[in-house]
């Protein structure tokens, strides 16, 4: 397996796992309730996990693209 593909899949899996863990911990709330009850660290963790999923998917997709020479 290509190293870039493996890195993309690992980043995607890590992001999804952290997002699921945040959901299980109750950090994911409705936007109206989130303002009053969510700490800044939780917002950062949610954004970081979604960012990790995005980067992982992009890296995995770019593993299939041939570079132009």
N, C-alpha and C. Protein backbone atom coordinates (compact mmCIF):
# COMPACT_ATOMS: atom_id res chain seq x y z
N UNK A 1 0.86 -1.18 0.00
CA UNK A 1 0.00 0.00 0.00
C UNK A 1 0.90 1.23 0.00
N UNK A 2 0.49 2.21 -0.75
CA UNK A 2 1.21 3.46 -0.85
C UNK A 2 1.25 4.16 0.51
N UNK A 3 2.39 4.76 0.82
CA UNK A 3 2.51 5.45 2.13
C UNK A 3 1.55 6.62 2.25
N UNK A 4 1.34 7.34 1.15
CA UNK A 4 0.43 8.48 1.18
C UNK A 4 -1.00 8.01 1.43
N UNK A 5 -1.38 6.92 0.79
CA UNK A 5 -2.72 6.37 1.01
C UNK A 5 -2.88 5.91 2.45
N UNK A 6 -1.86 5.24 2.98
CA UNK A 6 -1.92 4.77 4.36
C UNK A 6 -2.01 5.94 5.33
N UNK A 7 -1.27 7.00 5.07
CA UNK A 7 -1.33 8.19 5.94
C UNK A 7 -2.71 8.84 5.86
N UNK A 8 -3.27 8.92 4.68
CA UNK A 8 -4.61 9.50 4.53
C UNK A 8 -5.67 8.69 5.24
N UNK A 9 -5.60 7.39 5.10
CA UNK A 9 -6.58 6.53 5.78
C UNK A 9 -6.41 6.57 7.29
N UNK A 10 -5.17 6.66 7.75
CA UNK A 10 -4.92 6.75 9.20
C UNK A 10 -5.45 8.07 9.76
N UNK A 11 -5.22 9.16 9.04
CA UNK A 11 -5.71 10.46 9.50
C UNK A 11 -7.23 10.50 9.51
N UNK A 12 -7.85 9.92 8.49
CA UNK A 12 -9.31 9.86 8.44
C UNK A 12 -9.86 9.03 9.59
N UNK A 13 -9.25 7.89 9.84
CA UNK A 13 -9.70 7.03 10.93
C UNK A 13 -9.52 7.71 12.29
N UNK A 14 -8.40 8.40 12.47
CA UNK A 14 -8.17 9.10 13.74
C UNK A 14 -9.18 10.22 13.93
N UNK A 15 -9.47 10.96 12.87
CA UNK A 15 -10.46 12.03 12.96
C UNK A 15 -11.85 11.51 13.26
N UNK A 16 -12.24 10.43 12.59
CA UNK A 16 -13.55 9.84 12.85
C UNK A 16 -13.65 9.28 14.26
N UNK A 17 -12.58 8.65 14.72
CA UNK A 17 -12.58 8.09 16.07
C UNK A 17 -12.71 9.19 17.12
N UNK A 18 -11.99 10.29 16.92
CA UNK A 18 -12.09 11.38 17.90
C UNK A 18 -13.45 12.05 17.84
N UNK A 19 -14.05 12.15 16.64
CA UNK A 19 -15.38 12.74 16.52
C UNK A 19 -16.42 11.87 17.21
N UNK A 20 -16.30 10.55 17.04
CA UNK A 20 -17.22 9.63 17.71
C UNK A 20 -17.03 9.68 19.22
N UNK A 21 -15.78 9.78 19.66
CA UNK A 21 -15.51 9.88 21.10
C UNK A 21 -16.10 11.17 21.68
N UNK A 22 -16.00 12.27 20.93
CA UNK A 22 -16.61 13.52 21.39
C UNK A 22 -18.13 13.38 21.46
N UNK A 23 -18.72 12.69 20.50
CA UNK A 23 -20.16 12.47 20.52
C UNK A 23 -20.58 11.61 21.70
N UNK A 24 -19.79 10.58 21.99
CA UNK A 24 -20.11 9.71 23.13
C UNK A 24 -19.94 10.44 24.45
N UNK A 25 -19.02 11.39 24.50
CA UNK A 25 -18.80 12.16 25.73
C UNK A 25 -19.83 13.26 25.92
N UNK A 26 -20.65 13.50 24.90
CA UNK A 26 -21.69 14.53 25.01
C UNK A 26 -21.22 15.91 24.62
N UNK A 27 -20.11 16.02 23.90
CA UNK A 27 -19.60 17.33 23.51
C UNK A 27 -20.32 17.89 22.29
N UNK A 28 -21.00 17.03 21.54
CA UNK A 28 -21.73 17.49 20.35
C UNK A 28 -23.15 17.83 20.75
N UNK A 29 -23.50 19.07 20.57
CA UNK A 29 -24.82 19.54 20.99
C UNK A 29 -25.48 20.31 19.86
N UNK A 30 -26.75 20.58 20.02
CA UNK A 30 -27.47 21.45 19.10
C UNK A 30 -26.85 22.84 19.15
N UNK A 31 -26.76 23.53 18.02
CA UNK A 31 -26.09 24.84 18.01
C UNK A 31 -26.64 25.85 19.03
N UNK A 32 -27.93 25.83 19.30
CA UNK A 32 -28.48 26.77 20.28
C UNK A 32 -27.98 26.45 21.68
N UNK A 33 -27.84 25.18 22.02
CA UNK A 33 -27.35 24.80 23.33
C UNK A 33 -25.83 24.85 23.41
N UNK A 34 -25.17 24.76 22.27
CA UNK A 34 -23.71 24.71 22.27
C UNK A 34 -23.09 26.01 22.76
N UNK A 35 -23.70 27.13 22.46
CA UNK A 35 -23.14 28.42 22.85
C UNK A 35 -23.06 28.53 24.37
N UNK A 36 -24.07 28.07 25.04
CA UNK A 36 -24.13 28.23 26.49
C UNK A 36 -23.35 27.15 27.24
N UNK A 37 -23.20 25.96 26.67
CA UNK A 37 -22.67 24.84 27.45
C UNK A 37 -21.35 24.26 26.96
N UNK A 38 -20.88 24.67 25.80
CA UNK A 38 -19.65 24.09 25.26
C UNK A 38 -18.47 24.99 25.57
N UNK A 39 -17.41 24.37 26.11
CA UNK A 39 -16.20 25.11 26.43
C UNK A 39 -15.37 25.32 25.16
N UNK A 40 -14.51 26.34 25.15
CA UNK A 40 -13.68 26.57 23.97
C UNK A 40 -12.81 25.37 23.59
N UNK A 41 -12.34 24.62 24.58
CA UNK A 41 -11.53 23.44 24.28
C UNK A 41 -12.33 22.39 23.51
N UNK A 42 -13.62 22.27 23.81
CA UNK A 42 -14.46 21.32 23.10
C UNK A 42 -14.68 21.78 21.66
N UNK A 43 -14.88 23.09 21.46
CA UNK A 43 -15.01 23.61 20.10
C UNK A 43 -13.74 23.33 19.31
N UNK A 44 -12.59 23.52 19.93
CA UNK A 44 -11.31 23.26 19.28
C UNK A 44 -11.16 21.78 18.94
N UNK A 45 -11.57 20.91 19.84
CA UNK A 45 -11.48 19.47 19.59
C UNK A 45 -12.41 19.04 18.47
N UNK A 46 -13.61 19.59 18.43
CA UNK A 46 -14.55 19.26 17.35
C UNK A 46 -14.01 19.73 16.01
N UNK A 47 -13.53 20.96 15.97
CA UNK A 47 -12.95 21.49 14.73
C UNK A 47 -11.71 20.73 14.30
N UNK A 48 -10.89 20.35 15.26
CA UNK A 48 -9.69 19.60 14.95
C UNK A 48 -9.99 18.22 14.40
N UNK A 49 -11.00 17.56 14.96
CA UNK A 49 -11.35 16.23 14.46
C UNK A 49 -11.94 16.31 13.06
N UNK A 50 -12.77 17.30 12.81
CA UNK A 50 -13.33 17.46 11.46
C UNK A 50 -12.25 17.88 10.47
N UNK A 51 -11.30 18.70 10.91
CA UNK A 51 -10.18 19.08 10.05
C UNK A 51 -9.31 17.88 9.73
N UNK A 52 -9.09 17.01 10.70
CA UNK A 52 -8.30 15.80 10.49
C UNK A 52 -8.98 14.87 9.49
N UNK A 53 -10.29 14.75 9.58
CA UNK A 53 -11.03 13.93 8.61
C UNK A 53 -10.88 14.53 7.21
N UNK A 54 -11.02 15.83 7.10
CA UNK A 54 -10.91 16.49 5.80
C UNK A 54 -9.53 16.30 5.18
N UNK A 55 -8.50 16.54 5.97
CA UNK A 55 -7.13 16.37 5.47
C UNK A 55 -6.88 14.91 5.10
N UNK A 56 -7.34 13.99 5.92
CA UNK A 56 -7.15 12.57 5.64
C UNK A 56 -7.80 12.14 4.34
N UNK A 57 -9.02 12.61 4.11
CA UNK A 57 -9.71 12.27 2.87
C UNK A 57 -8.98 12.86 1.67
N UNK A 58 -8.54 14.10 1.77
CA UNK A 58 -7.82 14.73 0.67
C UNK A 58 -6.50 14.02 0.38
N UNK A 59 -5.76 13.67 1.41
CA UNK A 59 -4.48 12.96 1.22
C UNK A 59 -4.73 11.60 0.58
N UNK A 60 -5.76 10.90 1.03
CA UNK A 60 -6.06 9.59 0.45
C UNK A 60 -6.48 9.72 -1.02
N UNK A 61 -7.24 10.75 -1.35
CA UNK A 61 -7.64 10.95 -2.74
C UNK A 61 -6.45 11.33 -3.61
N UNK A 62 -5.56 12.17 -3.09
CA UNK A 62 -4.39 12.57 -3.87
C UNK A 62 -3.41 11.42 -4.05
N UNK A 63 -3.53 10.36 -3.29
CA UNK A 63 -2.67 9.19 -3.47
C UNK A 63 -2.98 8.50 -4.80
N UNK A 64 -4.19 8.70 -5.31
CA UNK A 64 -4.58 8.08 -6.57
C UNK A 64 -4.29 8.96 -7.78
N UNK A 65 -3.95 10.22 -7.58
CA UNK A 65 -3.72 11.14 -8.68
C UNK A 65 -2.26 11.04 -9.13
N UNK A 66 -2.05 10.86 -10.40
CA UNK A 66 -0.71 10.79 -10.95
C UNK A 66 -0.13 12.21 -11.06
N UNK A 67 1.09 12.43 -10.61
CA UNK A 67 1.68 13.76 -10.76
C UNK A 67 2.01 14.05 -12.22
N UNK A 68 1.81 15.29 -12.62
CA UNK A 68 2.15 15.70 -13.99
C UNK A 68 3.62 16.03 -14.08
N UNK A 69 4.24 15.59 -15.14
CA UNK A 69 5.67 15.88 -15.32
C UNK A 69 5.92 16.72 -16.55
